[in-house]
Amino acid sequence: MSGTIPVLHRDDHLLIVDKPAGTLVVPVSGRNEDCMVDRLTHQLEQRVYAVHRLDEDTTGCLAFALDEASRDALDRTFREHTAMRDYLALTTAVPSPESGCIESHLEEGADGVVRVVRRGGRRAVTHYAALARRDRGSLVRCRLETGRRNQIRVHLAALGCPVAGDRKYGYRPRSGERYGRVMLHSWRLKLAHPLTGGAVEVSCEAPEVELRP
């Protein structure tokens, strides 16, 4: 994949970009394509540090540190879940109730699938609200209180409304449906600047019109 990554915020210490679909954030064993770290290092001609993760198919706001001191501070920000992270998901059913909070414990299996478990696992909390109807489903805003792997995808599937295009977590296409990716977008990100402590807030539109409020 080629092309310039859109920059949403940049200063001497913090970088936030609009991540395209189909791109890994960091290198993965057995995969040879350029990841976000590689592409941004080349684009900016300086080293960038990954402190925030999005799934390969997920688009939108993604933060990086530009020096080691900022990396340590931003690592704490995301580890302690103090950043505000709003996502937009296109679901294949209307959630019931249409707004609420999903809390469970999640555990990743040896097959790479994350599941809700009764015992063990890690606590995961997602606040959600349906914003608009979209054919058989809804446009749903999800705000993360925690940030576990595949959290939104697992929680919406457990609610009976899997994310469109997400075959890993229960999506089954109907005639005429064509989704080129898992329809999940990192919409808004607000966090404390790693050095000054001031608020930094960005947002970006999803590439698909179905994912726009």
Foldseek 3Di string as FASTA:
>chain_A
DDDDWAWFDDDQWKTKTWFAAQAFQDDDPPDDDDHVQRRVCVVVVAGWAAQFGDPRGATGIGMITRDDLLSVLSNCCQQQQVKKWKKKFWWQAQFVVQWDKDKFFWDADPVRAIAGDPDDHHIWMKTKHFDQADVRTTTMMIIGSHDDPCRVQRRCLVRVIGGPPCVSRDDDDDPPDDDPGRGMYGAKIWAQRSPPRHIDIGGDDDPDPRNGD
